[in-house]
Amino acid sequence: MTTIIDAPPGTGEDRTLAAIIGEAFSHLAVSRHLIPDHGARAAVLARHLGQNVELARGIGRLLTDTERRSAAVWLAVPDTGLPDVVGYEQRRAAACGPHTGRFTEFEDRMHKNHPLGKHHWYLALMAVHPDQQGQGLGSTLLRHQLVMLDRSGQPAYLEAADPRSRRLYLRHGFSDHGQPFACGHAGPFLWPMWREPRTGQPATSAVSA
């Protein structure tokens, strides 16, 4: 049995989850476009994407499993969109170094495509350590939050990074939200996806894989 929990506070905890995100995302085509240097990729991703771990503690929810093999960063987004983060551009430059330009273009495109006008929860990141992928942990992690959203009648949004993850999200009630968009000049595509809450259906177990 896999148990999903809200990640306890602590710098060490945040670093552990950031490292999982860096390792899990390093093989993606989007990540290879952003950071061509394979040797530096996981560390850059952990430094930069790990900042979302901290953000989730303030305006969202940070989930993991009791064995620390996974991480999900959910952000509560008002109808006006995500709030600005003070000093974000400087922190991005410090984390990404020579790769900052590609990250800036990528994130500008993401913000341009992010839906406005309705409060929703945004799955900014979901990662499972490479050694644990393909065993159902991602689905368990995802269901944990979706059960809550169904019960409270709240929608969700995300960007799928590849066809495989898109198929996973389709199975959990997401649908395409507009056309795929490139993550940068000549870069791979992301699939924006939206999920309305499911009502009148039995809740799916959120704690067992």
Foldseek 3Di string as FASTA:
>chain_A
DWFKDFQDDDPVSLLLALLQQLQQCLVFLQQCVLPVPSVCRSQLSSQQVSVLVVVCVPAHTWMAIPVSQKIWRKGWAALAGDDDDPPSLVSNCVSRPPSSVLVVLLVVVVRVPDHHRHTAMEGEDIGGRPVPPPPCPSVLQVLQVLLVCLVVFGKYKYKARDPVVVVVVVVVAKDFDDDWDASDDVGDTITIIMHTHDPPDDRDDNTDD
